[in-house]
Amino acid sequence: MFYLPPGPGSSGAEGESRGAHQRIAKGKPDVDKVLNSFVAEMKRRKAEANGPPVDVLNLSRALALDTVTAYLFREYFNGIYKGRLCVTEFINNFVAGGRIFYLPGWLYDFVDEWAAKLDKKKIVVAQSIDMMQEYATRVADRSIVEEKDHESDTFQGRLLAAGISRDEAIAHVVGVIFAGTGAAGTTMSILCWNLAQHPEK
């Protein structure tokens, strides 16, 4: 769905494979830092809860968000420490839109507009979406300034270098955040739930 153009130094499949391995190695310390933050925050929340359930879904989505942003965009969103607002309402809003995705265009627009008007959480949803949009705009604008004279090593920088417009690059960043956060966060939370149900494993 999302196309990441090869870097300028790549030539063919072999060059792209080598470049991918280098990017993975370069991003590993960032990913390790996110994982360590996730474990520390999980322990902190568990200790503070002292019995009541811990919101593992939101924390898992924050883990996925921070991993995607650190690795692809080279700027942590830092969702693990921002609480429920920054991740969950943004993801839930996108998921809700997906439920009516296959309606005819005119009907989709009508249902989507009224669903937004009647949503009791519309202010929180709007704040959450604005937060994501501001982040996407910031990383795209940073790449326009910082990566214009050398080989881009970020997702948005390589899109811009390939000739994609600023607005489209921002839209792709938001799309990747959703794509990389929703399913991965759900999978991680299910894994945590199953481990809690079967501690012997």
N, C-alpha and C. Protein backbone atom coordinates (compact mmCIF):
# COMPACT_ATOMS: atom_id res chain seq x y z
N MET A 1 0.82 -1.20 0.00
CA MET A 1 0.00 0.00 0.00
C MET A 1 0.86 1.26 0.00
N PHE A 2 1.88 1.28 0.86
CA PHE A 2 2.76 2.44 0.93
C PHE A 2 4.07 2.09 0.27
N TYR A 3 4.52 2.92 -0.66
CA TYR A 3 5.72 2.66 -1.43
C TYR A 3 6.87 3.48 -0.87
N LEU A 4 7.95 2.81 -0.53
CA LEU A 4 9.14 3.50 -0.06
C LEU A 4 10.19 3.43 -1.15
N PRO A 5 10.49 4.55 -1.82
CA PRO A 5 11.44 4.53 -2.91
C PRO A 5 12.82 4.10 -2.43
N PRO A 6 13.59 3.41 -3.27
CA PRO A 6 14.94 3.02 -2.89
C PRO A 6 15.82 4.25 -2.71
N GLY A 7 16.79 4.14 -1.84
CA GLY A 7 17.73 5.24 -1.65
C GLY A 7 18.59 5.44 -2.87
N PRO A 8 19.18 6.63 -3.01
CA PRO A 8 19.97 6.95 -4.19
C PRO A 8 21.12 5.99 -4.43
N GLY A 9 21.67 5.40 -3.36
CA GLY A 9 22.82 4.51 -3.52
C GLY A 9 22.46 3.09 -3.90
N SER A 10 21.18 2.76 -4.02
CA SER A 10 20.77 1.38 -4.29
C SER A 10 20.81 1.09 -5.77
N SER A 11 21.17 -0.15 -6.11
CA SER A 11 21.10 -0.56 -7.51
C SER A 11 20.57 -1.98 -7.55
N GLY A 12 19.33 -2.13 -7.98
CA GLY A 12 18.73 -3.44 -8.10
C GLY A 12 18.37 -4.04 -6.76
N ALA A 13 17.95 -5.34 -6.81
CA ALA A 13 17.49 -6.03 -5.61
C ALA A 13 18.60 -6.20 -4.58
N GLU A 14 19.82 -6.47 -5.06
CA GLU A 14 20.93 -6.69 -4.12
C GLU A 14 21.26 -5.42 -3.35
N GLY A 15 21.31 -4.30 -4.06
CA GLY A 15 21.60 -3.03 -3.40
C GLY A 15 20.51 -2.65 -2.41
N GLU A 16 19.25 -2.88 -2.80
CA GLU A 16 18.13 -2.55 -1.92
C GLU A 16 18.14 -3.43 -0.68
N SER A 17 18.47 -4.73 -0.86
CA SER A 17 18.54 -5.65 0.28
C SER A 17 19.63 -5.22 1.25
N ARG A 18 20.78 -4.85 0.71
CA ARG A 18 21.89 -4.39 1.56
C ARG A 18 21.49 -3.12 2.31
N GLY A 19 20.82 -2.20 1.59
CA GLY A 19 20.37 -0.96 2.22
C GLY A 19 19.35 -1.22 3.32
N ALA A 20 18.46 -2.19 3.09
CA ALA A 20 17.45 -2.54 4.11
C ALA A 20 18.11 -3.08 5.36
N HIS A 21 19.10 -3.95 5.21
CA HIS A 21 19.81 -4.50 6.37
C HIS A 21 20.53 -3.40 7.14
N GLN A 22 21.10 -2.45 6.42
CA GLN A 22 21.80 -1.34 7.08
C GLN A 22 20.82 -0.47 7.86
N ARG A 23 19.64 -0.22 7.26
CA ARG A 23 18.63 0.59 7.95
C ARG A 23 18.11 -0.11 9.20
N ILE A 24 17.93 -1.44 9.10
CA ILE A 24 17.47 -2.20 10.27
C ILE A 24 18.50 -2.12 11.38
N ALA A 25 19.78 -2.32 11.04
CA ALA A 25 20.85 -2.26 12.04
C ALA A 25 20.92 -0.87 12.66
N LYS A 26 20.77 0.15 11.83
CA LYS A 26 20.84 1.53 12.33
C LYS A 26 19.68 1.84 13.27
N GLY A 27 18.51 1.26 12.99
CA GLY A 27 17.33 1.55 13.80
C GLY A 27 17.19 0.71 15.05
N LYS A 28 18.01 -0.35 15.19
CA LYS A 28 17.86 -1.26 16.32
C LYS A 28 17.99 -0.57 17.68
N PRO A 29 18.97 0.30 17.90
CA PRO A 29 19.03 0.97 19.21
C PRO A 29 17.77 1.76 19.54
N ASP A 30 17.16 2.38 18.53
CA ASP A 30 15.92 3.13 18.76
C ASP A 30 14.79 2.20 19.16
N VAL A 31 14.69 1.05 18.48
CA VAL A 31 13.64 0.08 18.79
C VAL A 31 13.86 -0.50 20.18
N ASP A 32 15.11 -0.82 20.52
CA ASP A 32 15.42 -1.34 21.86
C ASP A 32 15.02 -0.34 22.94
N LYS A 33 15.26 0.94 22.68
CA LYS A 33 14.89 1.98 23.65
C LYS A 33 13.38 2.01 23.86
N VAL A 34 12.62 1.88 22.77
CA VAL A 34 11.16 1.86 22.88
C VAL A 34 10.69 0.65 23.67
N LEU A 35 11.26 -0.52 23.39
CA LEU A 35 10.87 -1.74 24.10
C LEU A 35 11.17 -1.63 25.59
N ASN A 36 12.32 -1.07 25.93
CA ASN A 36 12.66 -0.89 27.35
C ASN A 36 11.68 0.07 28.03
N SER A 37 11.28 1.13 27.33
CA SER A 37 10.30 2.07 27.87
C SER A 37 8.95 1.39 28.09
N PHE A 38 8.57 0.53 27.14
CA PHE A 38 7.30 -0.20 27.22
C PHE A 38 7.29 -1.10 28.46
N VAL A 39 8.36 -1.86 28.66
CA VAL A 39 8.44 -2.77 29.81
C VAL A 39 8.41 -1.99 31.11
N ALA A 40 9.16 -0.89 31.18
CA ALA A 40 9.19 -0.07 32.39
C ALA A 40 7.82 0.53 32.69
N GLU A 41 7.14 1.01 31.65
CA GLU A 41 5.81 1.61 31.85
C GLU A 41 4.79 0.55 32.24
N MET A 42 4.88 -0.64 31.65
CA MET A 42 3.98 -1.74 32.01
C MET A 42 4.14 -2.09 33.50
N LYS A 43 5.38 -2.18 33.95
CA LYS A 43 5.64 -2.49 35.36
C LYS A 43 5.10 -1.38 36.27
N ARG A 44 5.31 -0.13 35.85
CA ARG A 44 4.84 1.00 36.66
C ARG A 44 3.32 0.99 36.78
N ARG A 45 2.64 0.79 35.65
CA ARG A 45 1.17 0.78 35.68
C ARG A 45 0.64 -0.39 36.48
N LYS A 46 1.28 -1.54 36.37
CA LYS A 46 0.85 -2.71 37.13
C LYS A 46 0.99 -2.45 38.63
N ALA A 47 2.10 -1.84 39.03
CA ALA A 47 2.33 -1.55 40.45
C ALA A 47 1.32 -0.53 40.97
N GLU A 48 1.00 0.47 40.15
CA GLU A 48 0.05 1.50 40.57
C GLU A 48 -1.38 0.97 40.61
N ALA A 49 -1.71 0.03 39.70
CA ALA A 49 -3.07 -0.51 39.65
C ALA A 49 -3.37 -1.33 40.89
N ASN A 50 -2.40 -2.11 41.35
CA ASN A 50 -2.54 -2.91 42.57
C ASN A 50 -3.82 -3.74 42.57
N GLY A 51 -4.10 -4.41 41.47
CA GLY A 51 -5.28 -5.29 41.40
C GLY A 51 -6.17 -5.04 40.21
N PRO A 52 -6.68 -3.79 40.03
CA PRO A 52 -7.56 -3.52 38.88
C PRO A 52 -6.83 -3.74 37.55
N PRO A 53 -7.60 -3.97 36.48
CA PRO A 53 -6.98 -4.23 35.17
C PRO A 53 -6.15 -3.04 34.67
N VAL A 54 -5.11 -3.35 33.92
CA VAL A 54 -4.27 -2.33 33.28
C VAL A 54 -4.67 -2.27 31.81
N ASP A 55 -4.76 -1.06 31.25
CA ASP A 55 -5.14 -0.88 29.84
C ASP A 55 -3.96 -1.26 28.95
N VAL A 56 -3.86 -2.55 28.65
CA VAL A 56 -2.75 -3.06 27.86
C VAL A 56 -2.91 -2.71 26.38
N LEU A 57 -4.16 -2.61 25.90
CA LEU A 57 -4.38 -2.29 24.49
C LEU A 57 -3.80 -0.91 24.15
N ASN A 58 -4.12 0.08 24.97
CA ASN A 58 -3.61 1.42 24.70
C ASN A 58 -2.09 1.46 24.78
N LEU A 59 -1.53 0.80 25.78
CA LEU A 59 -0.08 0.79 25.94
C LEU A 59 0.60 0.05 24.78
N SER A 60 -0.03 -1.03 24.30
CA SER A 60 0.53 -1.77 23.16
C SER A 60 0.46 -0.94 21.88
N ARG A 61 -0.61 -0.18 21.72
CA ARG A 61 -0.70 0.72 20.57
C ARG A 61 0.39 1.79 20.66
N ALA A 62 0.64 2.28 21.87
CA ALA A 62 1.70 3.27 22.05
C ALA A 62 3.07 2.68 21.73
N LEU A 63 3.27 1.41 22.10
CA LEU A 63 4.52 0.72 21.76
C LEU A 63 4.70 0.67 20.25
N ALA A 64 3.64 0.26 19.54
CA ALA A 64 3.71 0.18 18.08
C ALA A 64 3.95 1.56 17.48
N LEU A 65 3.27 2.57 18.02
CA LEU A 65 3.42 3.94 17.52
C LEU A 65 4.85 4.44 17.69
N ASP A 66 5.41 4.24 18.87
CA ASP A 66 6.77 4.72 19.12
C ASP A 66 7.79 3.96 18.28
N THR A 67 7.56 2.66 18.06
CA THR A 67 8.48 1.87 17.24
C THR A 67 8.45 2.36 15.79
N VAL A 68 7.25 2.55 15.25
CA VAL A 68 7.11 3.02 13.86
C VAL A 68 7.73 4.40 13.69
N THR A 69 7.43 5.29 14.61
CA THR A 69 7.92 6.67 14.45
C THR A 69 9.43 6.77 14.63
N ALA A 70 9.97 6.01 15.58
CA ALA A 70 11.42 6.04 15.80
C ALA A 70 12.16 5.43 14.62
N TYR A 71 11.64 4.32 14.10
CA TYR A 71 12.35 3.60 13.03
C TYR A 71 12.18 4.25 11.66
N LEU A 72 10.96 4.59 11.30
CA LEU A 72 10.71 5.12 9.95
C LEU A 72 10.93 6.63 9.84
N PHE A 73 10.51 7.37 10.86
CA PHE A 73 10.54 8.83 10.76
C PHE A 73 11.70 9.47 11.52
N ARG A 74 12.40 8.66 12.32
CA ARG A 74 13.55 9.11 13.11
C ARG A 74 13.20 10.19 14.14
N GLU A 75 11.97 10.14 14.62
CA GLU A 75 11.57 11.04 15.71
C GLU A 75 10.51 10.33 16.54
N TYR A 76 10.85 10.03 17.79
CA TYR A 76 9.90 9.37 18.68
C TYR A 76 8.63 10.21 18.82
N PHE A 77 7.49 9.55 18.75
CA PHE A 77 6.26 10.24 19.12
C PHE A 77 6.15 10.30 20.64
N ASN A 78 6.74 9.31 21.31
CA ASN A 78 6.72 9.22 22.77
C ASN A 78 5.32 8.98 23.31
N GLY A 79 4.57 8.13 22.61
CA GLY A 79 3.20 7.83 23.01
C GLY A 79 3.08 7.03 24.29
N ILE A 80 4.12 6.27 24.64
CA ILE A 80 4.07 5.43 25.84
C ILE A 80 3.81 6.26 27.09
N TYR A 81 4.33 7.48 27.12
CA TYR A 81 4.19 8.31 28.30
C TYR A 81 3.11 9.38 28.16
N LYS A 82 2.36 9.37 27.05
CA LYS A 82 1.38 10.44 26.84
C LYS A 82 -0.04 10.05 27.25
N GLY A 83 -0.25 8.82 27.65
CA GLY A 83 -1.58 8.43 28.11
C GLY A 83 -2.53 8.07 26.99
N ARG A 84 -3.82 7.94 27.33
CA ARG A 84 -4.82 7.39 26.42
C ARG A 84 -5.11 8.28 25.21
N LEU A 85 -5.15 9.58 25.39
CA LEU A 85 -5.61 10.49 24.34
C LEU A 85 -4.86 10.32 23.03
N CYS A 86 -3.54 10.24 23.09
CA CYS A 86 -2.76 10.38 21.87
C CYS A 86 -2.91 9.21 20.91
N VAL A 87 -3.21 8.04 21.37
CA VAL A 87 -3.22 6.88 20.48
C VAL A 87 -4.62 6.34 20.24
N THR A 88 -5.30 6.00 21.29
CA THR A 88 -6.52 5.20 21.17
C THR A 88 -7.63 5.89 20.39
N GLU A 89 -7.91 7.14 20.66
CA GLU A 89 -9.02 7.79 19.96
C GLU A 89 -8.71 7.97 18.47
N PHE A 90 -7.45 8.23 18.14
CA PHE A 90 -7.03 8.34 16.74
C PHE A 90 -7.27 7.01 16.02
N ILE A 91 -6.82 5.92 16.62
CA ILE A 91 -6.97 4.59 16.00
C ILE A 91 -8.44 4.20 15.93
N ASN A 92 -9.18 4.39 17.02
CA ASN A 92 -10.60 4.01 17.03
C ASN A 92 -11.38 4.75 15.95
N ASN A 93 -11.03 6.01 15.72
CA ASN A 93 -11.72 6.80 14.70
C ASN A 93 -11.47 6.23 13.31
N PHE A 94 -10.24 5.85 13.02
CA PHE A 94 -9.92 5.25 11.72
C PHE A 94 -10.63 3.91 11.56
N VAL A 95 -10.62 3.11 12.62
CA VAL A 95 -11.28 1.79 12.57
C VAL A 95 -12.77 1.96 12.32
N ALA A 96 -13.38 2.93 12.98
CA ALA A 96 -14.82 3.17 12.80
C ALA A 96 -15.12 3.54 11.35
N GLY A 97 -14.27 4.36 10.75
CA GLY A 97 -14.46 4.72 9.34
C GLY A 97 -14.36 3.52 8.43
N GLY A 98 -13.50 2.57 8.80
CA GLY A 98 -13.33 1.37 8.00
C GLY A 98 -14.56 0.49 7.96
N ARG A 99 -15.40 0.60 8.97
CA ARG A 99 -16.62 -0.24 9.01
C ARG A 99 -17.61 0.12 7.92
N ILE A 100 -17.54 1.35 7.43
CA ILE A 100 -18.48 1.78 6.39
C ILE A 100 -17.75 2.08 5.08
N PHE A 101 -16.53 1.60 4.96
CA PHE A 101 -15.67 1.93 3.83
C PHE A 101 -16.28 1.55 2.48
N TYR A 102 -16.99 0.43 2.43
CA TYR A 102 -17.50 -0.07 1.14
C TYR A 102 -18.86 0.49 0.75
N LEU A 103 -19.37 1.42 1.52
CA LEU A 103 -20.61 2.09 1.12
C LEU A 103 -20.33 2.96 -0.11
N PRO A 104 -21.35 3.24 -0.92
CA PRO A 104 -21.15 4.20 -2.02
C PRO A 104 -20.66 5.53 -1.47
N GLY A 105 -19.87 6.24 -2.25
CA GLY A 105 -19.23 7.47 -1.79
C GLY A 105 -20.17 8.47 -1.14
N TRP A 106 -21.31 8.73 -1.79
CA TRP A 106 -22.24 9.72 -1.25
C TRP A 106 -22.80 9.28 0.09
N LEU A 107 -23.07 7.95 0.23
CA LEU A 107 -23.62 7.43 1.48
C LEU A 107 -22.56 7.41 2.57
N TYR A 108 -21.34 7.06 2.19
CA TYR A 108 -20.23 7.06 3.15
C TYR A 108 -20.07 8.46 3.75
N ASP A 109 -20.03 9.48 2.88
CA ASP A 109 -19.86 10.86 3.36
C ASP A 109 -20.98 11.26 4.31
N PHE A 110 -22.22 10.87 3.97
CA PHE A 110 -23.37 11.20 4.80
C PHE A 110 -23.26 10.54 6.18
N VAL A 111 -23.01 9.23 6.18
CA VAL A 111 -22.92 8.48 7.45
C VAL A 111 -21.75 8.98 8.28
N ASP A 112 -20.61 9.21 7.63
CA ASP A 112 -19.42 9.66 8.34
C ASP A 112 -19.64 11.03 8.98
N GLU A 113 -20.29 11.92 8.25
CA GLU A 113 -20.55 13.26 8.77
C GLU A 113 -21.45 13.21 10.00
N TRP A 114 -22.53 12.42 9.93
CA TRP A 114 -23.46 12.35 11.05
C TRP A 114 -22.89 11.57 12.23
N ALA A 115 -22.09 10.55 11.93
CA ALA A 115 -21.44 9.81 13.01
C ALA A 115 -20.50 10.73 13.79
N ALA A 116 -19.79 11.60 13.07
CA ALA A 116 -18.88 12.54 13.73
C ALA A 116 -19.66 13.55 14.57
N LYS A 117 -20.80 14.03 14.06
CA LYS A 117 -21.61 15.01 14.80
C LYS A 117 -22.20 14.41 16.07
N LEU A 118 -22.59 13.14 16.01
CA LEU A 118 -23.25 12.50 17.15
C LEU A 118 -22.28 11.83 18.12
N ASP A 119 -21.02 11.77 17.76
CA ASP A 119 -20.02 11.10 18.60
C ASP A 119 -19.82 11.88 19.90
N LYS A 120 -20.05 11.22 21.03
CA LYS A 120 -19.90 11.87 22.33
C LYS A 120 -18.44 12.22 22.63
N LYS A 121 -17.52 11.55 21.94
CA LYS A 121 -16.10 11.80 22.17
C LYS A 121 -15.49 12.69 21.09
N LYS A 122 -16.30 13.41 20.36
CA LYS A 122 -15.79 14.12 19.17
C LYS A 122 -14.69 15.13 19.50
N ILE A 123 -14.76 15.76 20.66
CA ILE A 123 -13.71 16.74 21.01
C ILE A 123 -12.39 16.02 21.26
N VAL A 124 -12.45 14.91 22.00
CA VAL A 124 -11.24 14.14 22.29
C VAL A 124 -10.68 13.53 21.01
N VAL A 125 -11.56 13.05 20.13
CA VAL A 125 -11.13 12.49 18.85
C VAL A 125 -10.43 13.56 18.02
N ALA A 126 -11.02 14.75 17.96
CA ALA A 126 -10.43 15.85 17.19
C ALA A 126 -9.06 16.23 17.74
N GLN A 127 -8.93 16.26 19.06
CA GLN A 127 -7.64 16.59 19.67
C GLN A 127 -6.59 15.53 19.33
N SER A 128 -7.01 14.27 19.36
CA SER A 128 -6.10 13.17 19.06
C SER A 128 -5.65 13.21 17.61
N ILE A 129 -6.58 13.43 16.69
CA ILE A 129 -6.25 13.51 15.26
C ILE A 129 -5.34 14.71 15.00
N ASP A 130 -5.64 15.85 15.64
CA ASP A 130 -4.80 17.04 15.47
C ASP A 130 -3.37 16.78 15.94
N MET A 131 -3.24 16.03 17.04
CA MET A 131 -1.92 15.72 17.57
C MET A 131 -1.11 14.90 16.56
N MET A 132 -1.78 13.91 15.93
CA MET A 132 -1.11 13.08 14.92
C MET A 132 -0.76 13.91 13.69
N GLN A 133 -1.68 14.78 13.29
CA GLN A 133 -1.45 15.62 12.11
C GLN A 133 -0.28 16.58 12.35
N GLU A 134 -0.21 17.13 13.54
CA GLU A 134 0.89 18.04 13.87
C GLU A 134 2.23 17.31 13.84
N TYR A 135 2.23 16.09 14.36
CA TYR A 135 3.47 15.29 14.33
C TYR A 135 3.89 15.01 12.89
N ALA A 136 2.94 14.56 12.05
CA ALA A 136 3.24 14.23 10.66
C ALA A 136 3.76 15.46 9.91
N THR A 137 3.15 16.60 10.16
CA THR A 137 3.58 17.84 9.51
C THR A 137 4.99 18.22 9.96
N ARG A 138 5.26 18.06 11.24
CA ARG A 138 6.57 18.42 11.78
C ARG A 138 7.69 17.57 11.17
N VAL A 139 7.48 16.24 11.10
CA VAL A 139 8.56 15.39 10.57
C VAL A 139 8.76 15.62 9.07
N ALA A 140 7.68 15.88 8.34
CA ALA A 140 7.81 16.16 6.91
C ALA A 140 8.56 17.48 6.70
N ASP A 141 8.19 18.50 7.45
CA ASP A 141 8.87 19.80 7.31
C ASP A 141 10.33 19.71 7.74
N ARG A 142 10.61 18.92 8.76
CA ARG A 142 12.00 18.73 9.18
C ARG A 142 12.82 18.09 8.06
N SER A 143 12.24 17.10 7.39
CA SER A 143 12.95 16.43 6.30
C SER A 143 13.19 17.36 5.12
N ILE A 144 12.22 18.23 4.85
CA ILE A 144 12.39 19.19 3.75
C ILE A 144 13.62 20.06 3.99
N VAL A 145 13.84 20.45 5.24
CA VAL A 145 14.97 21.32 5.58
C VAL A 145 16.27 20.53 5.74
N GLU A 146 16.21 19.43 6.50
CA GLU A 146 17.44 18.74 6.91
C GLU A 146 17.95 17.72 5.89
N GLU A 147 17.07 17.19 5.04
CA GLU A 147 17.49 16.11 4.15
C GLU A 147 17.57 16.52 2.68
N LYS A 148 17.46 17.81 2.42
CA LYS A 148 17.41 18.24 1.02
C LYS A 148 18.76 18.11 0.31
N ASP A 149 19.87 18.18 1.07
CA ASP A 149 21.19 18.18 0.44
C ASP A 149 21.96 16.88 0.61
N HIS A 150 21.33 15.86 1.16
CA HIS A 150 22.03 14.57 1.30
C HIS A 150 21.03 13.43 1.22
N GLU A 151 21.53 12.21 1.17
CA GLU A 151 20.67 11.04 1.01
C GLU A 151 19.71 10.92 2.20
N SER A 152 18.44 10.77 1.90
CA SER A 152 17.42 10.68 2.95
C SER A 152 17.45 9.31 3.60
N ASP A 153 17.32 9.28 4.92
CA ASP A 153 17.24 7.98 5.61
C ASP A 153 15.93 7.85 6.38
N THR A 154 14.96 8.70 6.06
CA THR A 154 13.64 8.59 6.68
C THR A 154 12.60 8.28 5.61
N PHE A 155 11.50 7.72 6.04
CA PHE A 155 10.40 7.40 5.13
C PHE A 155 9.93 8.65 4.39
N GLN A 156 9.63 9.70 5.16
CA GLN A 156 9.10 10.91 4.55
C GLN A 156 10.15 11.61 3.68
N GLY A 157 11.41 11.54 4.09
CA GLY A 157 12.47 12.17 3.31
C GLY A 157 12.65 11.51 1.95
N ARG A 158 12.53 10.20 1.92
CA ARG A 158 12.69 9.48 0.66
C ARG A 158 11.48 9.68 -0.25
N LEU A 159 10.31 9.82 0.34
CA LEU A 159 9.14 10.16 -0.47
C LEU A 159 9.30 11.54 -1.10
N LEU A 160 9.74 12.49 -0.30
CA LEU A 160 9.94 13.85 -0.81
C LEU A 160 11.02 13.88 -1.89
N ALA A 161 12.09 13.11 -1.68
CA ALA A 161 13.18 13.06 -2.66
C ALA A 161 12.71 12.45 -3.98
N ALA A 162 11.68 11.59 -3.91
CA ALA A 162 11.14 10.95 -5.12
C ALA A 162 10.16 11.87 -5.85
N GLY A 163 9.91 13.06 -5.29
CA GLY A 163 9.07 14.03 -5.98
C GLY A 163 7.65 14.13 -5.46
N ILE A 164 7.34 13.41 -4.38
CA ILE A 164 6.00 13.49 -3.80
C ILE A 164 5.84 14.83 -3.08
N SER A 165 4.67 15.42 -3.18
CA SER A 165 4.44 16.74 -2.58
C SER A 165 4.46 16.68 -1.05
N ARG A 166 4.66 17.82 -0.44
CA ARG A 166 4.66 17.92 1.03
C ARG A 166 3.36 17.40 1.61
N ASP A 167 2.22 17.84 1.07
CA ASP A 167 0.92 17.43 1.61
C ASP A 167 0.71 15.92 1.49
N GLU A 168 1.15 15.36 0.36
CA GLU A 168 0.98 13.91 0.18
C GLU A 168 1.91 13.14 1.11
N ALA A 169 3.11 13.66 1.33
CA ALA A 169 4.04 13.02 2.26
C ALA A 169 3.45 13.02 3.67
N ILE A 170 2.84 14.13 4.07
CA ILE A 170 2.20 14.21 5.39
C ILE A 170 1.07 13.19 5.48
N ALA A 171 0.26 13.08 4.43
CA ALA A 171 -0.83 12.10 4.42
C ALA A 171 -0.30 10.68 4.54
N HIS A 172 0.82 10.39 3.86
CA HIS A 172 1.42 9.05 3.95
C HIS A 172 1.94 8.76 5.35
N VAL A 173 2.51 9.77 6.00
CA VAL A 173 3.00 9.59 7.37
C VAL A 173 1.83 9.22 8.29
N VAL A 174 0.72 9.95 8.18
CA VAL A 174 -0.47 9.64 9.00
C VAL A 174 -0.97 8.24 8.69
N GLY A 175 -1.01 7.88 7.41
CA GLY A 175 -1.47 6.54 7.02
C GLY A 175 -0.59 5.44 7.57
N VAL A 176 0.72 5.65 7.52
CA VAL A 176 1.65 4.65 8.05
C VAL A 176 1.51 4.53 9.56
N ILE A 177 1.29 5.64 10.23
CA ILE A 177 1.09 5.59 11.69
C ILE A 177 -0.10 4.70 12.01
N PHE A 178 -1.21 4.88 11.28
CA PHE A 178 -2.39 4.04 11.53
C PHE A 178 -2.10 2.59 11.18
N ALA A 179 -1.52 2.36 9.98
CA ALA A 179 -1.27 0.99 9.52
C ALA A 179 -0.30 0.26 10.44
N GLY A 180 0.67 0.98 10.98
CA GLY A 180 1.67 0.34 11.81
C GLY A 180 1.31 0.26 13.28
N THR A 181 0.21 0.87 13.66
CA THR A 181 -0.15 0.93 15.08
C THR A 181 -1.36 0.07 15.42
N GLY A 182 -2.41 0.11 14.59
CA GLY A 182 -3.65 -0.58 14.92
C GLY A 182 -3.50 -2.07 15.11
N ALA A 183 -3.10 -2.78 14.06
CA ALA A 183 -3.02 -4.25 14.11
C ALA A 183 -1.90 -4.71 15.04
N ALA A 184 -0.75 -4.03 14.98
CA ALA A 184 0.37 -4.43 15.83
C ALA A 184 0.03 -4.26 17.31
N GLY A 185 -0.64 -3.16 17.64
CA GLY A 185 -1.03 -2.94 19.03
C GLY A 185 -2.04 -3.96 19.51
N THR A 186 -2.99 -4.31 18.65
CA THR A 186 -3.98 -5.33 19.01
C THR A 186 -3.32 -6.68 19.23
N THR A 187 -2.40 -7.04 18.33
CA THR A 187 -1.70 -8.33 18.45
C THR A 187 -0.90 -8.40 19.74
N MET A 188 -0.18 -7.34 20.06
CA MET A 188 0.63 -7.33 21.29
C MET A 188 -0.26 -7.41 22.53
N SER A 189 -1.39 -6.71 22.52
CA SER A 189 -2.27 -6.74 23.70
C SER A 189 -2.89 -8.12 23.88
N ILE A 190 -3.23 -8.80 22.77
CA ILE A 190 -3.77 -10.16 22.86
C ILE A 190 -2.70 -11.10 23.41
N LEU A 191 -1.47 -10.93 22.97
CA LEU A 191 -0.36 -11.74 23.48
C LEU A 191 -0.21 -11.54 24.98
N CYS A 192 -0.24 -10.28 25.43
CA CYS A 192 -0.12 -9.99 26.87
C CYS A 192 -1.28 -10.60 27.65
N TRP A 193 -2.49 -10.50 27.09
CA TRP A 193 -3.67 -11.06 27.76
C TRP A 193 -3.52 -12.56 27.93
N ASN A 194 -3.08 -13.23 26.86
CA ASN A 194 -2.91 -14.69 26.94
C ASN A 194 -1.81 -15.08 27.92
N LEU A 195 -0.75 -14.31 27.97
CA LEU A 195 0.31 -14.59 28.95
C LEU A 195 -0.20 -14.41 30.37
N ALA A 196 -1.06 -13.40 30.58
CA ALA A 196 -1.63 -13.18 31.92
C ALA A 196 -2.57 -14.32 32.31
N GLN A 197 -3.30 -14.86 31.31
CA GLN A 197 -4.21 -15.97 31.58
C GLN A 197 -3.47 -17.27 31.86
N HIS A 198 -2.27 -17.39 31.29
CA HIS A 198 -1.49 -18.63 31.43
C HIS A 198 -0.06 -18.29 31.87
N PRO A 199 0.10 -17.82 33.10
CA PRO A 199 1.42 -17.38 33.57
C PRO A 199 2.47 -18.49 33.55
N GLU A 200 2.02 -19.74 33.59
CA GLU A 200 2.98 -20.86 33.59
C GLU A 200 3.71 -20.98 32.26
N LYS A 201 3.16 -20.37 31.20
CA LYS A 201 3.80 -20.45 29.89
C LYS A 201 4.75 -19.30 29.68
